[in-house]
All heavy atoms as atom14 arrays in JSON, in Angstrom:
{
  "sequence": "GWLEKNLPRVEIVEVSSTAKAAEMAAKDPDAAAIASE",
  "atom14_mask": [
    [1, 1, 1, 1, 0, 0, 0, 0, 0, 0, 0, 0, 0, 0],
    [1, 1, 1, 1, 1, 1, 1, 1, 1, 1, 1, 1, 1, 1],
    [1, 1, 1, 1, 1, 1, 1, 1, 0, 0, 0, 0, 0, 0],
    [1, 1, 1, 1, 1, 1, 1, 1, 1, 0, 0, 0, 0, 0],
    [1, 1, 1, 1, 1, 1, 1, 1, 1, 0, 0, 0, 0, 0],
    [1, 1, 1, 1, 1, 1, 1, 1, 0, 0, 0, 0, 0, 0],
    [1, 1, 1, 1, 1, 1, 1, 1, 0, 0, 0, 0, 0, 0],
    [1, 1, 1, 1, 1, 1, 1, 0, 0, 0, 0, 0, 0, 0],
    [1, 1, 1, 1, 1, 1, 1, 1, 1, 1, 1, 0, 0, 0],
    [1, 1, 1, 1, 1, 1, 1, 0, 0, 0, 0, 0, 0, 0],
    [1, 1, 1, 1, 1, 1, 1, 1, 1, 0, 0, 0, 0, 0],
    [1, 1, 1, 1, 1, 1, 1, 1, 0, 0, 0, 0, 0, 0],
    [1, 1, 1, 1, 1, 1, 1, 0, 0, 0, 0, 0, 0, 0],
    [1, 1, 1, 1, 1, 1, 1, 1, 1, 0, 0, 0, 0, 0],
    [1, 1, 1, 1, 1, 1, 1, 0, 0, 0, 0, 0, 0, 0],
    [1, 1, 1, 1, 1, 1, 0, 0, 0, 0, 0, 0, 0, 0],
    [1, 1, 1, 1, 1, 1, 0, 0, 0, 0, 0, 0, 0, 0],
    [1, 1, 1, 1, 1, 1, 1, 0, 0, 0, 0, 0, 0, 0],
    [1, 1, 1, 1, 1, 0, 0, 0, 0, 0, 0, 0, 0, 0],
    [1, 1, 1, 1, 1, 1, 1, 1, 1, 0, 0, 0, 0, 0],
    [1, 1, 1, 1, 1, 0, 0, 0, 0, 0, 0, 0, 0, 0],
    [1, 1, 1, 1, 1, 0, 0, 0, 0, 0, 0, 0, 0, 0],
    [1, 1, 1, 1, 1, 1, 1, 1, 1, 0, 0, 0, 0, 0],
    [1, 1, 1, 1, 1, 1, 1, 1, 0, 0, 0, 0, 0, 0],
    [1, 1, 1, 1, 1, 0, 0, 0, 0, 0, 0, 0, 0, 0],
    [1, 1, 1, 1, 1, 0, 0, 0, 0, 0, 0, 0, 0, 0],
    [1, 1, 1, 1, 1, 1, 1, 1, 1, 0, 0, 0, 0, 0],
    [1, 1, 1, 1, 1, 1, 1, 1, 0, 0, 0, 0, 0, 0],
    [1, 1, 1, 1, 1, 1, 1, 0, 0, 0, 0, 0, 0, 0],
    [1, 1, 1, 1, 1, 1, 1, 1, 0, 0, 0, 0, 0, 0],
    [1, 1, 1, 1, 1, 0, 0, 0, 0, 0, 0, 0, 0, 0],
    [1, 1, 1, 1, 1, 0, 0, 0, 0, 0, 0, 0, 0, 0],
    [1, 1, 1, 1, 1, 0, 0, 0, 0, 0, 0, 0, 0, 0],
    [1, 1, 1, 1, 1, 1, 1, 1, 0, 0, 0, 0, 0, 0],
    [1, 1, 1, 1, 1, 0, 0, 0, 0, 0, 0, 0, 0, 0],
    [1, 1, 1, 1, 1, 1, 0, 0, 0, 0, 0, 0, 0, 0],
    [1, 1, 1, 1, 1, 1, 1, 1, 1, 0, 0, 0, 0, 0]
  ],
  "atom14_positions": [
    [[-21.83, -97.62, 141.28], [-23.08, -96.98, 141.68], [-23.72, -97.67, 142.87], [-24.18, -97.0, 143.81], [0.0, 0.0, 0.0], [0.0, 0.0, 0.0], [0.0, 0.0, 0.0], [0.0, 0.0, 0.0], [0.0, 0.0, 0.0], [0.0, 0.0, 0.0], [0.0, 0.0, 0.0], [0.0, 0.0, 0.0], [0.0, 0.0, 0.0], [0.0, 0.0, 0.0]],
    [[-23.75, -99.0, 142.86], [-24.35, -99.75, 143.96], [-23.56, -99.52, 145.25], [-24.16, -99.32, 146.32], [-24.39, -101.24, 143.63], [-25.17, -102.05, 144.63], [-26.49, -102.39, 144.55], [-24.68, -102.59, 145.87], [-26.85, -103.11, 145.67], [-25.77, -103.25, 146.5], [-23.45, -102.57, 146.51], [-25.64, -103.89, 147.72], [-23.33, -103.2, 147.75], [-24.41, -103.85, 148.34]],
    [[-22.24, -99.53, 145.15], [-21.4, -99.32, 146.34], [-21.62, -97.94, 146.94], [-21.72, -97.78, 148.16], [-19.93, -99.52, 145.98], [-19.51, -100.96, 145.65], [-18.12, -100.98, 145.04], [-19.55, -101.84, 146.91], [0.0, 0.0, 0.0], [0.0, 0.0, 0.0], [0.0, 0.0, 0.0], [0.0, 0.0, 0.0], [0.0, 0.0, 0.0], [0.0, 0.0, 0.0]],
    [[-21.68, -96.92, 146.08], [-21.87, -95.55, 146.58], [-23.23, -95.38, 147.25], [-23.36, -94.62, 148.21], [-21.71, -94.56, 145.42], [-20.27, -94.46, 144.92], [-20.15, -93.56, 143.71], [-21.19, -93.13, 143.18], [-19.0, -93.29, 143.27], [0.0, 0.0, 0.0], [0.0, 0.0, 0.0], [0.0, 0.0, 0.0], [0.0, 0.0, 0.0], [0.0, 0.0, 0.0]],
    [[-24.22, -96.09, 146.75], [-25.56, -95.98, 147.32], [-25.73, -96.78, 148.6], [-26.35, -96.31, 149.57], [-26.6, -96.44, 146.28], [-28.03, -96.38, 146.79], [-29.02, -96.86, 145.71], [-30.44, -96.84, 146.24], [-31.41, -97.33, 145.22], [0.0, 0.0, 0.0], [0.0, 0.0, 0.0], [0.0, 0.0, 0.0], [0.0, 0.0, 0.0], [0.0, 0.0, 0.0]],
    [[-25.18, -97.99, 148.63], [-25.45, -98.9, 149.74], [-24.33, -99.02, 150.76], [-24.6, -99.33, 151.92], [-25.76, -100.3, 149.17], [-27.02, -100.33, 148.35], [-28.12, -100.43, 148.87], [-26.86, -100.23, 147.03], [0.0, 0.0, 0.0], [0.0, 0.0, 0.0], [0.0, 0.0, 0.0], [0.0, 0.0, 0.0], [0.0, 0.0, 0.0], [0.0, 0.0, 0.0]],
    [[-23.08, -98.77, 150.36], [-21.94, -98.85, 151.28], [-21.04, -97.63, 151.09], [-19.85, -97.76, 150.79], [-21.16, -100.15, 151.04], [-21.91, -101.47, 151.28], [-21.08, -102.65, 150.81], [-22.27, -101.63, 152.76], [0.0, 0.0, 0.0], [0.0, 0.0, 0.0], [0.0, 0.0, 0.0], [0.0, 0.0, 0.0], [0.0, 0.0, 0.0], [0.0, 0.0, 0.0]],
    [[-21.59, -96.42, 151.28], [-20.84, -95.22, 150.92], [-19.59, -94.97, 151.75], [-18.64, -94.34, 151.29], [-21.87, -94.1, 151.13], [-22.84, -94.65, 152.13], [-22.92, -96.11, 151.82], [0.0, 0.0, 0.0], [0.0, 0.0, 0.0], [0.0, 0.0, 0.0], [0.0, 0.0, 0.0], [0.0, 0.0, 0.0], [0.0, 0.0, 0.0], [0.0, 0.0, 0.0]],
    [[-19.54, -95.44, 152.98], [-18.39, -95.17, 153.85], [-17.53, -96.41, 154.1], [-16.65, -96.41, 154.97], [-18.89, -94.59, 155.19], [-19.35, -93.14, 155.06], [-19.91, -92.61, 156.37], [-21.23, -93.18, 156.65], [-22.36, -92.71, 156.13], [-22.34, -91.7, 155.31], [-23.52, -93.27, 156.43], [0.0, 0.0, 0.0], [0.0, 0.0, 0.0], [0.0, 0.0, 0.0]],
    [[-17.76, -97.44, 153.32], [-16.99, -98.67, 153.48], [-15.71, -98.59, 152.64], [-15.71, -98.11, 151.51], [-17.84, -99.89, 153.05], [-16.97, -101.13, 152.91], [-18.94, -100.13, 154.07], [0.0, 0.0, 0.0], [0.0, 0.0, 0.0], [0.0, 0.0, 0.0], [0.0, 0.0, 0.0], [0.0, 0.0, 0.0], [0.0, 0.0, 0.0], [0.0, 0.0, 0.0]],
    [[-14.6, -99.06, 153.2], [-13.32, -99.05, 152.51], [-13.33, -100.06, 151.36], [-13.74, -101.22, 151.54], [-12.19, -99.41, 153.48], [-10.81, -99.44, 152.84], [-9.73, -99.93, 153.78], [-10.07, -100.33, 154.92], [-8.55, -99.94, 153.37], [0.0, 0.0, 0.0], [0.0, 0.0, 0.0], [0.0, 0.0, 0.0], [0.0, 0.0, 0.0], [0.0, 0.0, 0.0]],
    [[-12.88, -99.64, 150.17], [-12.77, -100.53, 149.02], [-11.3, -100.91, 148.84], [-10.44, -100.04, 148.69], [-13.29, -99.86, 147.73], [-14.72, -99.33, 147.94], [-13.23, -100.83, 146.57], [-15.74, -100.38, 148.28], [0.0, 0.0, 0.0], [0.0, 0.0, 0.0], [0.0, 0.0, 0.0], [0.0, 0.0, 0.0], [0.0, 0.0, 0.0], [0.0, 0.0, 0.0]],
    [[-11.02, -102.19, 148.87], [-9.64, -102.68, 148.75], [-9.52, -103.47, 147.45], [-10.16, -104.51, 147.27], [-9.26, -103.58, 149.95], [-7.81, -104.04, 149.81], [-9.48, -102.84, 151.26], [0.0, 0.0, 0.0], [0.0, 0.0, 0.0], [0.0, 0.0, 0.0], [0.0, 0.0, 0.0], [0.0, 0.0, 0.0], [0.0, 0.0, 0.0], [0.0, 0.0, 0.0]],
    [[-8.71, -102.96, 146.53], [-8.53, -103.62, 145.24], [-7.47, -104.7, 145.34], [-6.39, -104.47, 145.88], [-8.16, -102.59, 144.17], [-9.28, -101.57, 143.91], [-8.95, -100.59, 142.81], [-7.77, -100.54, 142.38], [-9.87, -99.87, 142.36], [0.0, 0.0, 0.0], [0.0, 0.0, 0.0], [0.0, 0.0, 0.0], [0.0, 0.0, 0.0], [0.0, 0.0, 0.0]],
    [[-7.8, -105.89, 144.79], [-6.88, -107.03, 144.83], [-6.74, -107.61, 143.42], [-7.36, -107.12, 142.47], [-7.37, -108.11, 145.82], [-7.36, -107.57, 147.25], [-8.77, -108.6, 145.46], [0.0, 0.0, 0.0], [0.0, 0.0, 0.0], [0.0, 0.0, 0.0], [0.0, 0.0, 0.0], [0.0, 0.0, 0.0], [0.0, 0.0, 0.0], [0.0, 0.0, 0.0]],
    [[-5.94, -108.66, 143.27], [-5.54, -109.15, 141.95], [-6.65, -109.87, 141.19], [-6.59, -109.98, 139.97], [-4.34, -110.09, 142.09], [-4.66, -111.19, 142.95], [0.0, 0.0, 0.0], [0.0, 0.0, 0.0], [0.0, 0.0, 0.0], [0.0, 0.0, 0.0], [0.0, 0.0, 0.0], [0.0, 0.0, 0.0], [0.0, 0.0, 0.0], [0.0, 0.0, 0.0]],
    [[-7.67, -110.37, 141.88], [-8.76, -111.08, 141.2], [-9.97, -111.14, 142.11], [-9.87, -110.96, 143.33], [-8.34, -112.51, 140.82], [-8.23, -113.32, 141.98], [0.0, 0.0, 0.0], [0.0, 0.0, 0.0], [0.0, 0.0, 0.0], [0.0, 0.0, 0.0], [0.0, 0.0, 0.0], [0.0, 0.0, 0.0], [0.0, 0.0, 0.0], [0.0, 0.0, 0.0]],
    [[-11.14, -111.4, 141.51], [-12.36, -111.54, 142.31], [-12.29, -112.78, 143.2], [-12.82, -112.78, 144.32], [-13.6, -111.62, 141.41], [-13.41, -112.63, 140.42], [-13.85, -110.29, 140.71], [0.0, 0.0, 0.0], [0.0, 0.0, 0.0], [0.0, 0.0, 0.0], [0.0, 0.0, 0.0], [0.0, 0.0, 0.0], [0.0, 0.0, 0.0], [0.0, 0.0, 0.0]],
    [[-11.63, -113.83, 142.71], [-11.5, -115.05, 143.52], [-10.61, -114.79, 144.74], [-10.88, -115.27, 145.84], [-10.95, -116.19, 142.68], [0.0, 0.0, 0.0], [0.0, 0.0, 0.0], [0.0, 0.0, 0.0], [0.0, 0.0, 0.0], [0.0, 0.0, 0.0], [0.0, 0.0, 0.0], [0.0, 0.0, 0.0], [0.0, 0.0, 0.0], [0.0, 0.0, 0.0]],
    [[-9.52, -114.02, 144.54], [-8.66, -113.65, 145.67], [-9.44, -112.83, 146.68], [-9.28, -113.0, 147.9], [-7.47, -112.85, 145.16], [-6.48, -112.42, 146.25], [-5.8, -113.62, 146.88], [-4.75, -113.19, 147.89], [-4.11, -114.36, 148.57], [0.0, 0.0, 0.0], [0.0, 0.0, 0.0], [0.0, 0.0, 0.0], [0.0, 0.0, 0.0], [0.0, 0.0, 0.0]],
    [[-10.32, -111.95, 146.18], [-11.17, -111.16, 147.07], [-12.05, -112.05, 147.93], [-12.2, -111.83, 149.14], [-12.03, -110.2, 146.24], [0.0, 0.0, 0.0], [0.0, 0.0, 0.0], [0.0, 0.0, 0.0], [0.0, 0.0, 0.0], [0.0, 0.0, 0.0], [0.0, 0.0, 0.0], [0.0, 0.0, 0.0], [0.0, 0.0, 0.0], [0.0, 0.0, 0.0]],
    [[-12.65, -113.07, 147.32], [-13.5, -113.99, 148.06], [-12.7, -114.76, 149.11], [-13.16, -114.96, 150.24], [-14.18, -114.97, 147.11], [0.0, 0.0, 0.0], [0.0, 0.0, 0.0], [0.0, 0.0, 0.0], [0.0, 0.0, 0.0], [0.0, 0.0, 0.0], [0.0, 0.0, 0.0], [0.0, 0.0, 0.0], [0.0, 0.0, 0.0], [0.0, 0.0, 0.0]],
    [[-11.49, -115.17, 148.76], [-10.63, -115.88, 149.7], [-10.32, -115.0, 150.91], [-10.35, -115.47, 152.07], [-9.33, -116.28, 149.0], [-8.36, -117.04, 149.9], [-7.04, -117.32, 149.22], [-6.8, -116.8, 148.11], [-6.23, -118.08, 149.8], [0.0, 0.0, 0.0], [0.0, 0.0, 0.0], [0.0, 0.0, 0.0], [0.0, 0.0, 0.0], [0.0, 0.0, 0.0]],
    [[-10.04, -113.71, 150.68], [-9.71, -112.79, 151.77], [-10.94, -112.52, 152.64], [-10.85, -112.45, 153.86], [-9.14, -111.5, 151.2], [-7.8, -111.7, 150.48], [-7.2, -110.22, 149.64], [-6.72, -109.22, 151.06], [0.0, 0.0, 0.0], [0.0, 0.0, 0.0], [0.0, 0.0, 0.0], [0.0, 0.0, 0.0], [0.0, 0.0, 0.0], [0.0, 0.0, 0.0]],
    [[-12.11, -112.37, 152.0], [-13.33, -112.12, 152.76], [-13.7, -113.31, 153.64], [-14.28, -113.14, 154.72], [-14.47, -111.78, 151.8], [0.0, 0.0, 0.0], [0.0, 0.0, 0.0], [0.0, 0.0, 0.0], [0.0, 0.0, 0.0], [0.0, 0.0, 0.0], [0.0, 0.0, 0.0], [0.0, 0.0, 0.0], [0.0, 0.0, 0.0], [0.0, 0.0, 0.0]],
    [[-13.37, -114.5, 153.18], [-13.67, -115.7, 153.96], [-12.89, -115.73, 155.27], [-13.29, -116.39, 156.23], [-13.37, -116.95, 153.13], [0.0, 0.0, 0.0], [0.0, 0.0, 0.0], [0.0, 0.0, 0.0], [0.0, 0.0, 0.0], [0.0, 0.0, 0.0], [0.0, 0.0, 0.0], [0.0, 0.0, 0.0], [0.0, 0.0, 0.0], [0.0, 0.0, 0.0]],
    [[-11.76, -115.0, 155.32], [-10.92, -114.98, 156.52], [-11.19, -113.78, 157.41], [-10.59, -113.65, 158.48], [-9.44, -114.98, 156.09], [-9.03, -116.2, 155.28], [-7.6, -116.06, 154.8], [-7.19, -117.26, 153.93], [-5.82, -117.1, 153.38], [0.0, 0.0, 0.0], [0.0, 0.0, 0.0], [0.0, 0.0, 0.0], [0.0, 0.0, 0.0], [0.0, 0.0, 0.0]],
    [[-12.07, -112.87, 156.97], [-12.31, -111.63, 157.7], [-13.82, -111.46, 157.92], [-14.56, -111.17, 156.99], [-11.76, -110.46, 156.89], [-11.84, -109.13, 157.63], [-12.56, -109.05, 158.64], [-11.18, -108.17, 157.19], [0.0, 0.0, 0.0], [0.0, 0.0, 0.0], [0.0, 0.0, 0.0], [0.0, 0.0, 0.0], [0.0, 0.0, 0.0], [0.0, 0.0, 0.0]],
    [[-14.3, -111.62, 159.16], [-15.75, -111.56, 159.41], [-16.36, -110.18, 159.18], [-17.59, -110.06, 159.06], [-15.87, -111.96, 160.89], [-14.52, -111.68, 161.47], [-13.54, -111.93, 160.38], [0.0, 0.0, 0.0], [0.0, 0.0, 0.0], [0.0, 0.0, 0.0], [0.0, 0.0, 0.0], [0.0, 0.0, 0.0], [0.0, 0.0, 0.0], [0.0, 0.0, 0.0]],
    [[-15.53, -109.13, 159.11], [-16.04, -107.78, 158.89], [-15.85, -107.32, 157.45], [-16.0, -106.13, 157.15], [-15.33, -106.79, 159.83], [-15.65, -107.06, 161.29], [-16.79, -107.49, 161.57], [-14.77, -106.85, 162.14], [0.0, 0.0, 0.0], [0.0, 0.0, 0.0], [0.0, 0.0, 0.0], [0.0, 0.0, 0.0], [0.0, 0.0, 0.0], [0.0, 0.0, 0.0]],
    [[-15.52, -108.24, 156.57], [-15.27, -107.89, 155.17], [-16.23, -108.61, 154.25], [-16.84, -109.62, 154.61], [-13.83, -108.24, 154.78], [0.0, 0.0, 0.0], [0.0, 0.0, 0.0], [0.0, 0.0, 0.0], [0.0, 0.0, 0.0], [0.0, 0.0, 0.0], [0.0, 0.0, 0.0], [0.0, 0.0, 0.0], [0.0, 0.0, 0.0], [0.0, 0.0, 0.0]],
    [[-16.36, -108.05, 153.03], [-17.14, -108.67, 151.97], [-16.29, -108.67, 150.71], [-15.22, -108.05, 150.66], [-18.45, -107.93, 151.75], [0.0, 0.0, 0.0], [0.0, 0.0, 0.0], [0.0, 0.0, 0.0], [0.0, 0.0, 0.0], [0.0, 0.0, 0.0], [0.0, 0.0, 0.0], [0.0, 0.0, 0.0], [0.0, 0.0, 0.0], [0.0, 0.0, 0.0]],
    [[-16.78, -109.36, 149.7], [-16.08, -109.4, 148.41], [-17.09, -109.26, 147.29], [-18.26, -109.65, 147.43], [-15.32, -110.72, 148.25], [0.0, 0.0, 0.0], [0.0, 0.0, 0.0], [0.0, 0.0, 0.0], [0.0, 0.0, 0.0], [0.0, 0.0, 0.0], [0.0, 0.0, 0.0], [0.0, 0.0, 0.0], [0.0, 0.0, 0.0], [0.0, 0.0, 0.0]],
    [[-16.65, -108.67, 146.2], [-17.45, -108.67, 144.97], [-16.85, -109.76, 144.09], [-15.68, -109.67, 143.67], [-17.4, -107.31, 144.26], [-17.94, -106.22, 145.17], [-18.19, -107.37, 142.96], [-17.77, -104.81, 144.6], [0.0, 0.0, 0.0], [0.0, 0.0, 0.0], [0.0, 0.0, 0.0], [0.0, 0.0, 0.0], [0.0, 0.0, 0.0], [0.0, 0.0, 0.0]],
    [[-17.63, -110.78, 143.8], [-17.1, -111.94, 143.06], [-18.26, -112.74, 142.49], [-19.42, -112.35, 142.56], [-16.22, -112.79, 143.98], [0.0, 0.0, 0.0], [0.0, 0.0, 0.0], [0.0, 0.0, 0.0], [0.0, 0.0, 0.0], [0.0, 0.0, 0.0], [0.0, 0.0, 0.0], [0.0, 0.0, 0.0], [0.0, 0.0, 0.0], [0.0, 0.0, 0.0]],
    [[-17.92, -113.9, 141.93], [-18.89, -114.74, 141.25], [-19.58, -115.7, 142.21], [-19.13, -115.93, 143.33], [-18.18, -115.56, 140.16], [-17.3, -116.5, 140.76], [0.0, 0.0, 0.0], [0.0, 0.0, 0.0], [0.0, 0.0, 0.0], [0.0, 0.0, 0.0], [0.0, 0.0, 0.0], [0.0, 0.0, 0.0], [0.0, 0.0, 0.0], [0.0, 0.0, 0.0]],
    [[-20.65, -116.3, 141.72], [-21.34, -117.34, 142.49], [-20.42, -118.53, 142.72], [-20.46, -119.17, 143.77], [-22.6, -117.77, 141.74], [-23.45, -118.78, 142.49], [-24.73, -119.13, 141.75], [-25.0, -118.52, 140.7], [-25.46, -120.02, 142.23], [0.0, 0.0, 0.0], [0.0, 0.0, 0.0], [0.0, 0.0, 0.0], [0.0, 0.0, 0.0], [0.0, 0.0, 0.0]]
  ]
}
């Protein structure tokens, strides 16, 4: 729901874990990750 409201046209890329998502976002200045603190 939050993604559809706030980032409706952003590409969602599913990966193996939230931590892997954070690692990938750290290498890509135009990307974000959904993960833990």
